[in-house]
Amino acid sequence: GIDLVLKQFEVAAGLPLGIIQADVGISGHAIEARVYAEDASRGFLPCVGRLATWKAPQGPGIRVDSGVRQGDAITVDFDPMLAKLIVHAPTRRAALRRLDTALSDLIALGVTTNIGFLRDAAAHHAFASGSVTTDFLDSSGISGFSHAEADPAVLVAVACAAQRLGLERALSDDGLGALDEHTGHPGDPFRTLTRSFP
């Protein structure tokens, strides 16, 4: 395929695009879902906290563009987007199934996310048929989305695990713990900011 981000950087650096429309093939269906630390049941208000667990889905036709990792603090200082989850499949129906599976496999604990809302929206008949309009949220019946009550046994298990892992102590400093420093490890998404192009 064509690396569109690389092409954007090259064009921004003054290089010619180097491709024409005929070079760009179209095959299958791709759908992007933007995963946010936000509460869909409260008007999509941003949520803060520390990503106690972060595990992105993997597999054929699944791409995750993200700048977060487990342990990162989600604060009011930055956009609460956690990831762009992109799926590709031969048909729209297959892409929707892949999206639902990828969203169900994505694990983000420590902050409230819009994952449940995204799954409900993608399962809606209007979205599945590709006939959404700008009033989709208002007319779909899912705009008042609210999450199901958590199983009390699950809450007890999570509380015990948090205590055992020492999260109580780690979070006691300033409510979020010390902010994560990007130290330039090989997986650090910010390392590429200083990369130059020919």
Protein backbone atom coordinates (compact mmCIF):
# COMPACT_ATOMS: atom_id res chain seq x y z
CA GLY A 1 0.00 0.00 0.00
CA ILE A 2 0.84 3.67 0.09
CA ASP A 3 2.01 5.18 3.36
CA LEU A 4 -0.17 8.30 3.43
CA VAL A 5 1.52 9.76 6.50
CA LEU A 6 4.92 9.45 4.84
CA LYS A 7 3.50 11.12 1.72
CA GLN A 8 2.17 13.99 3.86
CA PHE A 9 5.58 14.53 5.42
CA GLU A 10 7.29 14.39 2.03
CA VAL A 11 4.90 16.94 0.51
CA ALA A 12 5.29 19.17 3.59
CA ALA A 13 9.06 18.97 3.06
CA GLY A 14 8.60 20.22 -0.51
CA LEU A 15 8.99 16.91 -2.33
CA PRO A 16 6.66 16.05 -5.24
CA LEU A 17 3.77 13.71 -4.52
CA GLY A 18 5.14 11.10 -6.92
CA ILE A 19 1.83 9.29 -7.58
CA ILE A 20 -1.31 9.93 -9.60
CA GLN A 21 -4.89 8.80 -9.00
CA ALA A 22 -4.44 5.81 -11.33
CA ASP A 23 -1.71 4.53 -8.96
CA VAL A 24 -4.21 4.33 -6.09
CA GLY A 25 -6.23 1.12 -6.12
CA ILE A 26 -9.48 0.74 -4.23
CA SER A 27 -10.35 -2.63 -2.71
CA GLY A 28 -12.68 -3.66 0.07
CA HIS A 29 -14.02 -1.58 2.93
CA ALA A 30 -12.20 0.21 5.73
CA ILE A 31 -13.79 1.67 8.86
CA GLU A 32 -12.10 3.84 11.47
CA ALA A 33 -13.26 4.14 15.07
CA ARG A 34 -11.73 6.75 17.35
CA VAL A 35 -11.34 5.46 20.87
CA TYR A 36 -11.53 8.23 23.46
CA ALA A 37 -11.26 8.48 27.23
CA GLU A 38 -14.75 9.92 27.47
CA ASP A 39 -18.09 9.05 29.01
CA ALA A 40 -20.75 8.58 26.33
CA SER A 41 -23.47 8.43 28.99
CA ARG A 42 -22.54 11.95 30.18
CA GLY A 43 -22.52 13.83 26.89
CA PHE A 44 -19.08 12.50 25.90
CA LEU A 45 -17.31 14.35 28.71
CA PRO A 46 -13.56 13.67 28.76
CA CYS A 47 -12.35 11.36 31.51
CA VAL A 48 -9.00 11.49 33.28
CA GLY A 49 -7.00 8.80 34.99
CA ARG A 50 -4.14 6.42 34.45
CA LEU A 51 -4.26 3.62 31.90
CA ALA A 52 -3.82 0.76 34.33
CA THR A 53 -4.12 -1.71 31.45
CA TRP A 54 -3.79 -1.03 27.73
CA LYS A 55 -3.85 -3.84 25.20
CA ALA A 56 -4.59 -3.02 21.58
CA PRO A 57 -6.17 -5.66 19.33
CA GLN A 58 -4.06 -7.37 16.69
CA GLY A 59 -4.73 -9.46 13.64
CA PRO A 60 -5.26 -9.39 9.90
CA GLY A 61 -7.05 -6.28 8.71
CA ILE A 62 -6.62 -4.46 12.04
CA ARG A 63 -4.50 -1.36 12.50
CA VAL A 64 -4.18 0.69 15.67
CA ASP A 65 -2.66 4.17 15.56
CA SER A 66 -2.02 5.24 19.13
CA GLY A 67 0.34 7.35 21.18
CA VAL A 68 -0.52 5.85 24.55
CA ARG A 69 0.75 2.86 26.45
CA GLN A 70 -0.02 1.14 29.71
CA GLY A 71 0.71 3.40 32.67
CA ASP A 72 0.20 6.68 30.78
CA ALA A 73 -1.75 9.43 32.52
CA ILE A 74 -4.76 10.78 30.66
CA THR A 75 -5.07 14.39 31.80
CA VAL A 76 -7.10 17.48 31.04
CA ASP A 77 -4.04 18.99 29.37
CA PHE A 78 -4.36 16.95 26.16
CA ASP A 79 -6.98 15.54 23.80
CA PRO A 80 -8.40 12.36 25.38
CA MET A 81 -8.12 10.32 22.16
CA LEU A 82 -6.47 7.00 22.98
CA ALA A 83 -6.34 5.43 19.53
CA LYS A 84 -7.61 5.28 16.00
CA LEU A 85 -8.73 1.73 15.32
CA ILE A 86 -8.89 0.98 11.60
CA VAL A 87 -10.20 -2.25 10.14
CA HIS A 88 -10.24 -3.47 6.55
CA ALA A 89 -12.11 -6.37 4.96
CA PRO A 90 -13.40 -7.36 1.51
CA THR A 91 -17.01 -6.29 2.28
CA ARG A 92 -18.65 -3.73 4.57
CA ARG A 93 -20.37 -6.49 6.50
CA ALA A 94 -17.05 -8.28 7.11
CA ALA A 95 -15.42 -4.97 8.08
CA LEU A 96 -18.19 -4.33 10.63
CA ARG A 97 -17.70 -7.81 12.13
CA ARG A 98 -13.95 -7.20 12.29
CA LEU A 99 -14.53 -3.79 13.92
CA ASP A 100 -16.80 -5.29 16.58
CA THR A 101 -14.27 -8.04 17.32
CA ALA A 102 -11.39 -5.56 17.49
CA LEU A 103 -13.33 -3.23 19.80
CA SER A 104 -14.26 -6.13 22.07
CA ASP A 105 -10.60 -7.22 22.17
CA LEU A 106 -9.31 -3.73 22.99
CA ILE A 107 -8.58 -3.50 26.72
CA ALA A 108 -8.38 -0.04 28.30
CA LEU A 109 -8.72 -0.09 32.08
CA GLY A 110 -8.29 2.85 34.41
CA VAL A 111 -10.34 5.40 32.48
CA THR A 112 -13.87 5.43 31.12
CA THR A 113 -13.88 4.97 27.35
CA ASN A 114 -16.37 5.19 24.49
CA ILE A 115 -15.74 1.58 23.38
CA GLY A 116 -19.24 0.37 24.30
CA PHE A 117 -20.78 3.31 22.50
CA LEU A 118 -18.69 2.63 19.38
CA ARG A 119 -19.82 -1.00 19.35
CA ASP A 120 -23.48 0.01 19.70
CA ALA A 121 -23.17 2.68 16.99
CA ALA A 122 -21.46 0.29 14.56
CA ALA A 123 -24.14 -2.35 15.18
CA HIS A 124 -26.98 0.07 14.38
CA HIS A 125 -28.83 -0.79 11.15
CA ALA A 126 -28.29 2.69 9.67
CA PHE A 127 -24.55 2.49 10.21
CA ALA A 128 -24.39 -1.10 8.95
CA SER A 129 -26.16 -0.10 5.74
CA GLY A 130 -23.99 2.97 5.27
CA SER A 131 -26.94 5.36 5.41
CA VAL A 132 -25.92 7.54 8.34
CA THR A 133 -26.39 11.29 8.18
CA THR A 134 -25.22 14.15 10.37
CA ASP A 135 -28.20 13.63 12.68
CA PHE A 136 -27.32 9.97 13.32
CA LEU A 137 -26.72 10.35 17.05
CA ASP A 138 -29.92 12.33 17.57
CA SER A 139 -32.10 10.04 15.45
CA SER A 140 -30.57 6.62 16.11
CA GLY A 141 -31.84 6.11 19.63
CA ILE A 142 -28.34 5.51 20.98
CA SER A 143 -27.59 9.16 21.84
CA GLY A 144 -28.68 8.50 25.42
CA PHE A 145 -26.23 5.63 25.64
CA SER A 146 -25.54 4.45 29.14
CA HIS A 147 -23.39 1.59 30.23
CA ALA A 148 -24.81 -1.46 31.95
CA GLU A 149 -24.41 -1.85 35.69
CA ALA A 150 -21.14 -3.55 36.54
CA ASP A 151 -21.29 -6.96 38.15
CA PRO A 152 -20.47 -6.46 41.88
CA ALA A 153 -18.19 -9.53 41.81
CA VAL A 154 -16.17 -7.94 38.99
CA LEU A 155 -15.88 -4.68 40.95
CA VAL A 156 -14.56 -6.57 43.99
CA ALA A 157 -12.04 -8.45 41.82
CA VAL A 158 -10.82 -5.20 40.23
CA ALA A 159 -10.49 -3.51 43.63
CA CYS A 160 -8.49 -6.46 44.98
CA ALA A 161 -6.23 -6.49 41.93
CA ALA A 162 -5.66 -2.73 42.19
CA GLN A 163 -4.76 -3.04 45.85
CA ARG A 164 -2.42 -5.92 45.15
CA LEU A 165 -0.66 -4.05 42.34
CA GLY A 166 -0.11 -1.03 44.55
CA LEU A 167 -2.16 1.31 42.40
CA GLU A 168 -3.57 2.97 45.50
CA ARG A 169 -0.09 4.16 46.47
CA ALA A 170 0.86 5.09 42.89
CA LEU A 171 -2.24 7.23 42.47
CA SER A 172 -1.98 9.00 45.83
CA ASP A 173 0.71 11.56 44.85
CA ASP A 174 -1.38 14.02 42.84
CA GLY A 175 -4.44 11.99 41.94
CA LEU A 176 -2.77 10.64 38.83
CA GLY A 177 0.77 9.86 39.96
CA ALA A 178 3.79 11.34 38.26
CA LEU A 179 3.28 12.14 34.61
CA ASP A 180 4.82 9.67 32.22
CA GLU A 181 8.04 10.83 30.61
CA HIS A 182 8.69 9.82 27.02
CA THR A 183 12.27 8.66 27.28
CA GLY A 184 12.88 7.75 23.67
CA HIS A 185 12.50 3.99 23.91
CA PRO A 186 12.13 2.29 20.50
CA GLY A 187 8.31 2.14 20.75
CA ASP A 188 7.94 5.79 21.76
CA PRO A 189 5.60 7.42 19.20
CA PHE A 190 7.23 10.80 19.76
CA ARG A 191 10.69 9.71 18.57
CA THR A 192 9.69 10.30 14.95
CA LEU A 193 8.96 13.99 15.52
CA THR A 194 12.60 14.88 14.88
CA ARG A 195 12.95 12.67 11.82
CA SER A 196 13.79 14.60 8.67
CA PHE A 197 13.07 13.68 5.10
CA PRO A 198 15.42 14.08 2.12
